[in-house]
Amino acid sequence: MERLLGTRGRLTSGSVIGVVAFFLGLAIGVTMMTAAQGQPMWVWISRFVQNLAAAIAGALITLALIERTLLRRMVSDAKQLSDELIGLLREDGEEAIEAADMLAMAGQFRSGSMRGENLTGAQLAARNLSRADFRDTKLRAANLRDADLRKAQLNRADLSLADLRRANLNGANLVGARLWMAYLHGADLQRAQLNGHELAEAFSLRGAIMPDGTRYDGRFGLAGDVEAAADSGIDVTDPMEMSNWYATCNVADAEVIEEDWEL
């Protein structure tokens, strides 16, 4: 959070010095005002020490109250800024890139700050999101093409209609994730944690590497794969021809047609 906000909302050294100097001056002033003429030096010193102790206590209390007030403001500002950056993730071009850079530098993707957030339509293509914490996060129609999602926590995340082409999901936790109509062409799902049914509702898996390290073999008969095979001149009613097609699919084949992604 501090990396995101810098020193905004924090006490500066100048402020601390100013508060301490005020109370120190107050201690000296009170001592001079209350000191009786003709009394020995030790009486003056004793009174000054007493006043100084009271001044130090006052300074510490004042600084603590100021810090607490500023900390509350900083937290409020951080939440507002985080919400603004999340909104910018949906924009095209440099705005989304800069917003993602700021969130990454602040550690927001890994810290758990994105849990349960609405990142629908977020532009995170080719982004390093390894070990990101997206538990319960709404990533509907998010652009995660070529993203590094190794060991990411995607438990119960909503990835419906998400573009995960060639995404590296090696070791990711996808237990309970919703992958309805998600495009996983060429994705690396080695060692990914799944219950078994999540991938069955995807749009395409051709060319993907499955959790057990094997190439996807068409076992789910996904609509996007069947459509792509037909467009490639494959007889989709011939099991042998389809099996050969799946075995030879690679990450560069049959890119998604843009109109298929009109949401």
C-alpha atoms as a PDB file:
ATOM      1  CA  MET A   1       0.000   0.000   0.000  1.00  0.00           C
ATOM      2  CA  GLU A   2       2.780   2.446   0.874  1.00  0.00           C
ATOM      3  CA  ARG A   3       4.508   1.613  -2.401  1.00  0.00           C
ATOM      4  CA  LEU A   4       1.300   2.536  -4.178  1.00  0.00           C
ATOM      5  CA  LEU A   5       0.761   5.770  -2.262  1.00  0.00           C
ATOM      6  CA  GLY A   6       4.346   6.830  -1.637  1.00  0.00           C
ATOM      7  CA  THR A   7       4.515   9.226   1.341  1.00  0.00           C
ATOM      8  CA  ARG A   8       1.044  10.607   0.854  1.00  0.00           C
ATOM      9  CA  GLY A   9      -0.795  10.726   4.172  1.00  0.00           C
ATOM     10  CA  ARG A  10       2.359  10.063   6.214  1.00  0.00           C
ATOM     11  CA  LEU A  11       4.107  12.278   8.750  1.00  0.00           C
ATOM     12  CA  THR A  12       7.241  13.884   7.379  1.00  0.00           C
ATOM     13  CA  SER A  13      10.415  14.362   9.417  1.00  0.00           C
ATOM     14  CA  GLY A  14       9.795  18.098   9.316  1.00  0.00           C
ATOM     15  CA  SER A  15       6.379  17.662  10.925  1.00  0.00           C
ATOM     16  CA  VAL A  16       7.833  15.505  13.699  1.00  0.00           C
ATOM     17  CA  ILE A  17      10.601  18.032  14.396  1.00  0.00           C
ATOM     18  CA  GLY A  18       8.054  20.835  14.460  1.00  0.00           C
ATOM     19  CA  VAL A  19       5.826  19.109  17.024  1.00  0.00           C
ATOM     20  CA  VAL A  20       8.781  18.160  19.251  1.00  0.00           C
ATOM     21  CA  ALA A  21      10.217  21.696  19.053  1.00  0.00           C
ATOM     22  CA  PHE A  22       6.844  23.176  20.041  1.00  0.00           C
ATOM     23  CA  PHE A  23       6.544  21.058  23.168  1.00  0.00           C
ATOM     24  CA  LEU A  24      10.203  21.567  24.076  1.00  0.00           C
ATOM     25  CA  GLY A  25       9.757  25.314  23.817  1.00  0.00           C
ATOM     26  CA  LEU A  26       6.604  25.032  25.903  1.00  0.00           C
ATOM     27  CA  ALA A  27       8.521  23.163  28.620  1.00  0.00           C
ATOM     28  CA  ILE A  28      11.226  25.823  28.699  1.00  0.00           C
ATOM     29  CA  GLY A  29       8.663  28.622  28.729  1.00  0.00           C
ATOM     30  CA  VAL A  30       6.657  27.118  31.581  1.00  0.00           C
ATOM     31  CA  THR A  31       9.835  26.551  33.588  1.00  0.00           C
ATOM     32  CA  MET A  32      10.909  30.174  33.142  1.00  0.00           C
ATOM     33  CA  MET A  33       7.471  31.503  34.051  1.00  0.00           C
ATOM     34  CA  THR A  34       7.103  29.431  37.214  1.00  0.00           C
ATOM     35  CA  ALA A  35      10.683  29.646  38.461  1.00  0.00           C
ATOM     36  CA  ALA A  36      11.041  31.755  41.601  1.00  0.00           C
ATOM     37  CA  GLN A  37      13.903  34.188  41.901  1.00  0.00           C
ATOM     38  CA  GLY A  38      16.678  33.254  44.282  1.00  0.00           C
ATOM     39  CA  GLN A  39      15.968  29.553  44.342  1.00  0.00           C
ATOM     40  CA  PRO A  40      18.909  27.185  43.906  1.00  0.00           C
ATOM     41  CA  MET A  41      19.816  25.776  40.503  1.00  0.00           C
ATOM     42  CA  TRP A  42      18.658  22.261  41.364  1.00  0.00           C
ATOM     43  CA  VAL A  43      15.097  23.539  41.845  1.00  0.00           C
ATOM     44  CA  TRP A  44      15.167  25.041  38.343  1.00  0.00           C
ATOM     45  CA  ILE A  45      16.554  21.805  36.904  1.00  0.00           C
ATOM     46  CA  SER A  46      13.986  19.708  38.772  1.00  0.00           C
ATOM     47  CA  ARG A  47      11.106  21.803  37.460  1.00  0.00           C
ATOM     48  CA  PHE A  48      12.534  21.776  33.952  1.00  0.00           C
ATOM     49  CA  VAL A  49      12.849  17.969  33.988  1.00  0.00           C
ATOM     50  CA  GLN A  50       9.240  17.662  35.176  1.00  0.00           C
ATOM     51  CA  ASN A  51       8.000  20.038  32.501  1.00  0.00           C
ATOM     52  CA  LEU A  52      10.144  18.323  29.879  1.00  0.00           C
ATOM     53  CA  ALA A  53       8.712  14.916  30.772  1.00  0.00           C
ATOM     54  CA  ALA A  54       5.203  16.315  30.450  1.00  0.00           C
ATOM     55  CA  ALA A  55       6.153  17.933  27.133  1.00  0.00           C
ATOM     56  CA  ILE A  56       7.565  14.679  25.746  1.00  0.00           C
ATOM     57  CA  ALA A  57       4.401  12.828  26.736  1.00  0.00           C
ATOM     58  CA  GLY A  58       2.307  15.519  25.101  1.00  0.00           C
ATOM     59  CA  ALA A  59       4.384  15.392  21.926  1.00  0.00           C
ATOM     60  CA  LEU A  60       4.088  11.607  21.698  1.00  0.00           C
ATOM     61  CA  ILE A  61       0.329  11.695  22.208  1.00  0.00           C
ATOM     62  CA  THR A  62      -0.042  14.470  19.634  1.00  0.00           C
ATOM     63  CA  LEU A  63       2.087  12.643  17.073  1.00  0.00           C
ATOM     64  CA  ALA A  64       0.171   9.401  17.650  1.00  0.00           C
ATOM     65  CA  LEU A  65      -3.165  11.156  17.114  1.00  0.00           C
ATOM     66  CA  ILE A  66      -1.919  12.890  13.972  1.00  0.00           C
ATOM     67  CA  GLU A  67      -0.466   9.648  12.631  1.00  0.00           C
ATOM     68  CA  ARG A  68      -3.702   7.792  13.302  1.00  0.00           C
ATOM     69  CA  THR A  69      -5.729  10.431  11.513  1.00  0.00           C
ATOM     70  CA  LEU A  70      -3.383  10.433   8.538  1.00  0.00           C
ATOM     71  CA  LEU A  71      -3.313   6.632   8.449  1.00  0.00           C
ATOM     72  CA  ARG A  72      -7.091   6.533   8.193  1.00  0.00           C
ATOM     73  CA  ARG A  73      -6.925   9.023   5.352  1.00  0.00           C
ATOM     74  CA  MET A  74      -4.187   7.004   3.647  1.00  0.00           C
ATOM     75  CA  VAL A  75      -6.250   3.803   3.834  1.00  0.00           C
ATOM     76  CA  SER A  76      -9.278   5.625   2.460  1.00  0.00           C
ATOM     77  CA  ASP A  77      -7.208   7.166  -0.343  1.00  0.00           C
ATOM     78  CA  ALA A  78      -5.604   3.791  -1.111  1.00  0.00           C
ATOM     79  CA  LYS A  79      -8.981   2.108  -1.515  1.00  0.00           C
ATOM     80  CA  GLN A  80     -10.199   4.916  -3.754  1.00  0.00           C
ATOM     81  CA  LEU A  81      -7.028   4.797  -5.854  1.00  0.00           C
ATOM     82  CA  SER A  82      -7.185   0.998  -6.088  1.00  0.00           C
ATOM     83  CA  ASP A  83     -10.803   1.194  -7.308  1.00  0.00           C
ATOM     84  CA  GLU A  84      -9.811   3.791  -9.903  1.00  0.00           C
ATOM     85  CA  LEU A  85      -6.954   1.616 -11.169  1.00  0.00           C
ATOM     86  CA  ILE A  86      -9.208  -1.432 -11.371  1.00  0.00           C
ATOM     87  CA  GLY A  87     -11.618   0.616 -13.468  1.00  0.00           C
ATOM     88  CA  LEU A  88      -8.785   1.617 -15.797  1.00  0.00           C
ATOM     89  CA  LEU A  89      -7.886  -2.052 -16.349  1.00  0.00           C
ATOM     90  CA  ARG A  90     -10.949  -2.249 -18.589  1.00  0.00           C
ATOM     91  CA  GLU A  91      -9.664   0.474 -20.900  1.00  0.00           C
ATOM     92  CA  ASP A  92      -7.734  -0.233 -24.080  1.00  0.00           C
ATOM     93  CA  GLY A  93      -4.156   0.820 -24.651  1.00  0.00           C
ATOM     94  CA  GLU A  94      -1.721   2.575 -22.364  1.00  0.00           C
ATOM     95  CA  GLU A  95      -4.194   3.362 -19.575  1.00  0.00           C
ATOM     96  CA  ALA A  96      -4.776  -0.321 -18.829  1.00  0.00           C
ATOM     97  CA  ILE A  97      -1.047  -1.081 -19.035  1.00  0.00           C
ATOM     98  CA  GLU A  98      -0.134   1.734 -16.643  1.00  0.00           C
ATOM     99  CA  ALA A  99      -2.904   0.758 -14.209  1.00  0.00           C
ATOM    100  CA  ALA A 100      -1.738  -2.864 -14.203  1.00  0.00           C
ATOM    101  CA  ASP A 101       1.872  -1.722 -13.670  1.00  0.00           C
ATOM    102  CA  MET A 102       0.886   0.355 -10.641  1.00  0.00           C
ATOM    103  CA  LEU A 103      -1.180  -2.444  -9.109  1.00  0.00           C
ATOM    104  CA  ALA A 104       1.670  -4.892  -9.684  1.00  0.00           C
ATOM    105  CA  MET A 105       4.272  -2.568  -8.145  1.00  0.00           C
ATOM    106  CA  ALA A 106       2.035  -2.154  -5.110  1.00  0.00           C
ATOM    107  CA  GLY A 107       1.817  -5.921  -4.753  1.00  0.00           C
ATOM    108  CA  GLN A 108      -1.962  -5.824  -5.145  1.00  0.00           C
ATOM    109  CA  PHE A 109      -2.190  -8.942  -7.317  1.00  0.00           C
ATOM    110  CA  ARG A 110      -0.356 -11.152  -4.832  1.00  0.00           C
ATOM    111  CA  SER A 111      -1.466  -9.582  -1.560  1.00  0.00           C
ATOM    112  CA  GLY A 112      -5.055 -10.796  -1.683  1.00  0.00           C
ATOM    113  CA  SER A 113      -6.408  -7.312  -2.385  1.00  0.00           C
ATOM    114  CA  MET A 114      -8.033  -8.590  -5.576  1.00  0.00           C
ATOM    115  CA  ARG A 115     -10.068 -11.306  -3.824  1.00  0.00           C
ATOM    116  CA  GLY A 116     -13.718 -10.916  -4.697  1.00  0.00           C
ATOM    117  CA  GLU A 117     -13.093  -7.830  -6.840  1.00  0.00           C
ATOM    118  CA  ASN A 118     -14.943  -7.257 -10.094  1.00  0.00           C
ATOM    119  CA  LEU A 119     -12.281  -7.396 -12.824  1.00  0.00           C
ATOM    120  CA  THR A 120     -14.732  -8.049 -15.638  1.00  0.00           C
ATOM    121  CA  GLY A 121     -13.136  -7.174 -18.967  1.00  0.00           C
ATOM    122  CA  ALA A 122      -9.724  -6.477 -17.433  1.00  0.00           C
ATOM    123  CA  GLN A 123      -6.906  -6.128 -19.964  1.00  0.00           C
ATOM    124  CA  LEU A 124      -4.123  -8.271 -18.505  1.00  0.00           C
ATOM    125  CA  ALA A 125      -2.668  -9.893 -21.614  1.00  0.00           C
ATOM    126  CA  ALA A 126       0.950 -11.069 -21.324  1.00  0.00           C
ATOM    127  CA  ARG A 127       1.035  -9.838 -17.723  1.00  0.00           C
ATOM    128  CA  ASN A 128       3.174 -11.556 -15.075  1.00  0.00           C
ATOM    129  CA  LEU A 129       0.527 -12.735 -12.621  1.00  0.00           C
ATOM    130  CA  SER A 130       2.378 -15.699 -11.179  1.00  0.00           C
ATOM    131  CA  ARG A 131       1.171 -16.499  -7.648  1.00  0.00           C
ATOM    132  CA  ALA A 132      -1.576 -13.900  -7.993  1.00  0.00           C
ATOM    133  CA  ASP A 133      -4.470 -14.242  -5.560  1.00  0.00           C
ATOM    134  CA  PHE A 134      -7.709 -14.107  -7.547  1.00  0.00           C
ATOM    135  CA  ARG A 135      -9.850 -16.239  -5.239  1.00  0.00           C
ATOM    136  CA  ASP A 136     -13.563 -15.489  -5.774  1.00  0.00           C
ATOM    137  CA  THR A 137     -12.597 -12.756  -8.247  1.00  0.00           C
ATOM    138  CA  LYS A 138     -14.853 -11.938 -11.188  1.00  0.00           C
ATOM    139  CA  LEU A 139     -12.691 -12.119 -14.322  1.00  0.00           C
ATOM    140  CA  ARG A 140     -15.480 -12.490 -16.847  1.00  0.00           C
ATOM    141  CA  ALA A 141     -14.358 -11.718 -20.405  1.00  0.00           C
ATOM    142  CA  ALA A 142     -10.929 -10.713 -19.098  1.00  0.00           C
ATOM    143  CA  ASN A 143      -8.075 -10.654 -21.595  1.00  0.00           C
ATOM    144  CA  LEU A 144      -5.461 -12.986 -20.065  1.00  0.00           C
ATOM    145  CA  ARG A 145      -3.926 -14.090 -23.335  1.00  0.00           C
ATOM    146  CA  ASP A 146      -0.278 -15.161 -22.886  1.00  0.00           C
ATOM    147  CA  ALA A 147      -0.486 -14.234 -19.177  1.00  0.00           C
ATOM    148  CA  ASP A 148       1.850 -15.894 -16.694  1.00  0.00           C
ATOM    149  CA  LEU A 149      -0.518 -17.385 -14.121  1.00  0.00           C
ATOM    150  CA  ARG A 150       1.794 -20.014 -12.695  1.00  0.00           C
ATOM    151  CA  LYS A 151       0.659 -21.087  -9.227  1.00  0.00           C
ATOM    152  CA  ALA A 152      -2.048 -18.428  -9.241  1.00  0.00           C
ATOM    153  CA  GLN A 153      -4.926 -18.848  -6.796  1.00  0.00           C
ATOM    154  CA  LEU A 154      -8.048 -18.903  -8.964  1.00  0.00           C
ATOM    155  CA  ASN A 155     -10.297 -20.871  -6.632  1.00  0.00           C
ATOM    156  CA  ARG A 156     -13.948 -20.126  -7.402  1.00  0.00           C
ATOM    157  CA  ALA A 157     -12.928 -17.328  -9.778  1.00  0.00           C
ATOM    158  CA  ASP A 158     -15.395 -16.508 -12.546  1.00  0.00           C
ATOM    159  CA  LEU A 159     -13.442 -16.847 -15.803  1.00  0.00           C
ATOM    160  CA  SER A 160     -16.484 -17.117 -18.060  1.00  0.00           C
ATOM    161  CA  LEU A 161     -15.710 -15.941 -21.604  1.00  0.00           C
ATOM    162  CA  ALA A 162     -12.129 -15.134 -20.583  1.00  0.00           C
ATOM    163  CA  ASP A 163      -9.414 -15.193 -23.229  1.00  0.00           C
ATOM    164  CA  LEU A 164      -6.748 -17.529 -21.809  1.00  0.00           C
ATOM    165  CA  ARG A 165      -5.033 -18.423 -25.065  1.00  0.00           C
ATOM    166  CA  ARG A 166      -1.499 -19.646 -24.420  1.00  0.00           C
ATOM    167  CA  ALA A 167      -1.806 -18.648 -20.760  1.00  0.00           C
ATOM    168  CA  ASN A 168       0.651 -20.381 -18.449  1.00  0.00           C
ATOM    169  CA  LEU A 169      -1.512 -21.945 -15.735  1.00  0.00           C
ATOM    170  CA  ASN A 170       1.139 -24.392 -14.595  1.00  0.00           C
ATOM    171  CA  GLY A 171       0.391 -25.299 -10.969  1.00  0.00           C
ATOM    172  CA  ALA A 172      -2.551 -22.873 -10.738  1.00  0.00           C
ATOM    173  CA  ASN A 173      -5.434 -23.632  -8.395  1.00  0.00           C
ATOM    174  CA  LEU A 174      -8.642 -23.684 -10.445  1.00  0.00           C
ATOM    175  CA  VAL A 175     -10.780 -25.664  -8.020  1.00  0.00           C
ATOM    176  CA  GLY A 176     -14.352 -24.418  -8.295  1.00  0.00           C
ATOM    177  CA  ALA A 177     -13.454 -21.866 -10.990  1.00  0.00           C
ATOM    178  CA  ARG A 178     -16.066 -21.154 -13.636  1.00  0.00           C
ATOM    179  CA  LEU A 179     -14.650 -21.562 -17.137  1.00  0.00           C
ATOM    180  CA  TRP A 180     -17.875 -21.330 -19.113  1.00  0.00           C
ATOM    181  CA  MET A 181     -17.010 -20.522 -22.734  1.00  0.00           C
ATOM    182  CA  ALA A 182     -13.434 -19.645 -21.737  1.00  0.00           C
ATOM    183  CA  TYR A 183     -10.915 -19.836 -24.570  1.00  0.00           C
ATOM    184  CA  LEU A 184      -7.971 -22.007 -23.467  1.00  0.00           C
ATOM    185  CA  HIS A 185      -6.370 -22.739 -26.828  1.00  0.00           C
ATOM    186  CA  GLY A 186      -2.708 -23.604 -26.281  1.00  0.00           C
ATOM    187  CA  ALA A 187      -2.868 -23.038 -22.513  1.00  0.00           C
ATOM    188  CA  ASP A 188      -0.420 -24.819 -20.213  1.00  0.00           C
ATOM    189  CA  LEU A 189      -2.434 -26.554 -17.492  1.00  0.00           C
ATOM    190  CA  GLN A 190       0.272 -28.870 -16.230  1.00  0.00           C
ATOM    191  CA  ARG A 191      -0.122 -29.655 -12.509  1.00  0.00           C
ATOM    192  CA  ALA A 192      -3.133 -27.342 -12.317  1.00  0.00           C
ATOM    193  CA  GLN A 193      -5.538 -28.230  -9.518  1.00  0.00           C
ATOM    194  CA  LEU A 194      -9.046 -29.010 -10.746  1.00  0.00           C
ATOM    195  CA  ASN A 195     -12.083 -30.933  -9.604  1.00  0.00           C
ATOM    196  CA  GLY A 196     -12.456 -32.373 -13.089  1.00  0.00           C
ATOM    197  CA  HIS A 197     -15.596 -30.656 -14.335  1.00  0.00           C
ATOM    198  CA  GLU A 198     -14.285 -27.084 -14.735  1.00  0.00           C
ATOM    199  CA  LEU A 199     -12.687 -27.652 -18.149  1.00  0.00           C
ATOM    200  CA  ALA A 200     -15.768 -29.379 -19.581  1.00  0.00           C
ATOM    201  CA  GLU A 201     -17.609 -26.048 -19.926  1.00  0.00           C
ATOM    202  CA  ALA A 202     -14.803 -24.203 -21.739  1.00  0.00           C
ATOM    203  CA  PHE A 203     -15.123 -23.004 -25.343  1.00  0.00           C
ATOM    204  CA  SER A 204     -11.877 -24.506 -26.585  1.00  0.00           C
ATOM    205  CA  LEU A 205      -8.879 -26.487 -25.366  1.00  0.00           C
ATOM    206  CA  ARG A 206      -7.206 -27.488 -28.613  1.00  0.00           C
ATOM    207  CA  GLY A 207      -3.440 -27.547 -28.331  1.00  0.00           C
ATOM    208  CA  ALA A 208      -3.614 -27.206 -24.532  1.00  0.00           C
ATOM    209  CA  ILE A 209      -1.413 -29.214 -22.193  1.00  0.00           C
ATOM    210  CA  MET A 210      -3.567 -30.972 -19.613  1.00  0.00           C
ATOM    211  CA  PRO A 211      -2.817 -31.287 -15.858  1.00  0.00           C
ATOM    212  CA  ASP A 212      -1.282 -34.729 -16.389  1.00  0.00           C
ATOM    213  CA  GLY A 213       1.121 -33.359 -19.024  1.00  0.00           C
ATOM    214  CA  THR A 214      -0.664 -34.825 -22.059  1.00  0.00           C
ATOM    215  CA  ARG A 215      -2.034 -32.849 -24.987  1.00  0.00           C
ATOM    216  CA  TYR A 216      -5.766 -32.264 -24.977  1.00  0.00           C
ATOM    217  CA  ASP A 217      -7.428 -35.074 -26.952  1.00  0.00           C
ATOM    218  CA  GLY A 218     -10.914 -33.699 -27.514  1.00  0.00           C
ATOM    219  CA  ARG A 219     -12.497 -35.658 -24.672  1.00  0.00           C
ATOM    220  CA  PHE A 220     -15.019 -32.898 -23.899  1.00  0.00           C
ATOM    221  CA  GLY A 221     -16.113 -32.257 -27.493  1.00  0.00           C
ATOM    222  CA  LEU A 222     -16.019 -28.485 -26.934  1.00  0.00           C
ATOM    223  CA  ALA A 223     -17.985 -26.331 -29.369  1.00  0.00           C
ATOM    224  CA  GLY A 224     -15.071 -24.056 -30.246  1.00  0.00           C
ATOM    225  CA  ASP A 225     -12.817 -26.976 -31.113  1.00  0.00           C
ATOM    226  CA  VAL A 226     -15.417 -28.700 -33.251  1.00  0.00           C
ATOM    227  CA  GLU A 227     -16.094 -25.441 -35.079  1.00  0.00           C
ATOM    228  CA  ALA A 228     -12.381 -24.850 -35.668  1.00  0.00           C
ATOM    229  CA  ALA A 229     -11.922 -28.402 -36.947  1.00  0.00           C
ATOM    230  CA  ALA A 230     -14.795 -27.979 -39.385  1.00  0.00           C
ATOM    231  CA  ASP A 231     -13.341 -24.660 -40.595  1.00  0.00           C
ATOM    232  CA  SER A 232     -10.050 -26.502 -41.196  1.00  0.00           C
ATOM    233  CA  GLY A 233     -11.789 -29.017 -43.470  1.00  0.00           C
ATOM    234  CA  ILE A 234     -11.837 -31.840 -40.927  1.00  0.00           C
ATOM    235  CA  ASP A 235     -14.718 -34.319 -40.991  1.00  0.00           C
ATOM    236  CA  VAL A 236     -15.953 -33.794 -37.429  1.00  0.00           C
ATOM    237  CA  THR A 237     -18.032 -36.974 -37.618  1.00  0.00           C
ATOM    238  CA  ASP A 238     -14.921 -39.116 -38.160  1.00  0.00           C
ATOM    239  CA  PRO A 239     -13.376 -39.986 -34.714  1.00  0.00           C
ATOM    240  CA  MET A 240     -10.037 -40.973 -36.234  1.00  0.00           C
ATOM    241  CA  GLU A 241      -9.718 -37.774 -38.241  1.00  0.00           C
ATOM    242  CA  MET A 242     -10.643 -35.703 -35.207  1.00  0.00           C
ATOM    243  CA  SER A 243      -8.157 -37.584 -33.035  1.00  0.00           C
ATOM    244  CA  ASN A 244      -5.372 -36.878 -35.512  1.00  0.00           C
ATOM    245  CA  TRP A 245      -6.401 -33.238 -35.672  1.00  0.00           C
ATOM    246  CA  TYR A 246      -6.233 -32.806 -31.894  1.00  0.00           C
ATOM    247  CA  ALA A 247      -2.865 -34.571 -31.795  1.00  0.00           C
ATOM    248  CA  THR A 248      -1.350 -32.174 -34.319  1.00  0.00           C
ATOM    249  CA  CYS A 249      -2.875 -28.926 -32.999  1.00  0.00           C
ATOM    250  CA  ASN A 250      -0.317 -26.478 -31.669  1.00  0.00           C
ATOM    251  CA  VAL A 251      -0.432 -23.072 -30.025  1.00  0.00           C
ATOM    252  CA  ALA A 252      -0.161 -21.217 -33.330  1.00  0.00           C
ATOM    253  CA  ASP A 253      -3.094 -22.978 -35.000  1.00  0.00           C
ATOM    254  CA  ALA A 254      -6.656 -21.792 -35.501  1.00  0.00           C
ATOM    255  CA  GLU A 255      -6.601 -18.436 -33.752  1.00  0.00           C
ATOM    256  CA  VAL A 256      -9.972 -17.304 -32.479  1.00  0.00           C
ATOM    257  CA  ILE A 257     -12.118 -15.315 -34.909  1.00  0.00           C
ATOM    258  CA  GLU A 258     -12.689 -11.840 -33.505  1.00  0.00           C
ATOM    259  CA  GLU A 259     -16.483 -11.912 -33.945  1.00  0.00           C
ATOM    260  CA  ASP A 260     -16.604 -14.947 -31.679  1.00  0.00           C
ATOM    261  CA  TRP A 261     -15.542 -12.634 -28.885  1.00  0.00           C
ATOM    262  CA  GLU A 262     -18.233 -10.008 -29.207  1.00  0.00           C
ATOM    263  CA  LEU A 263     -19.639  -9.932 -25.684  1.00  0.00           C
END
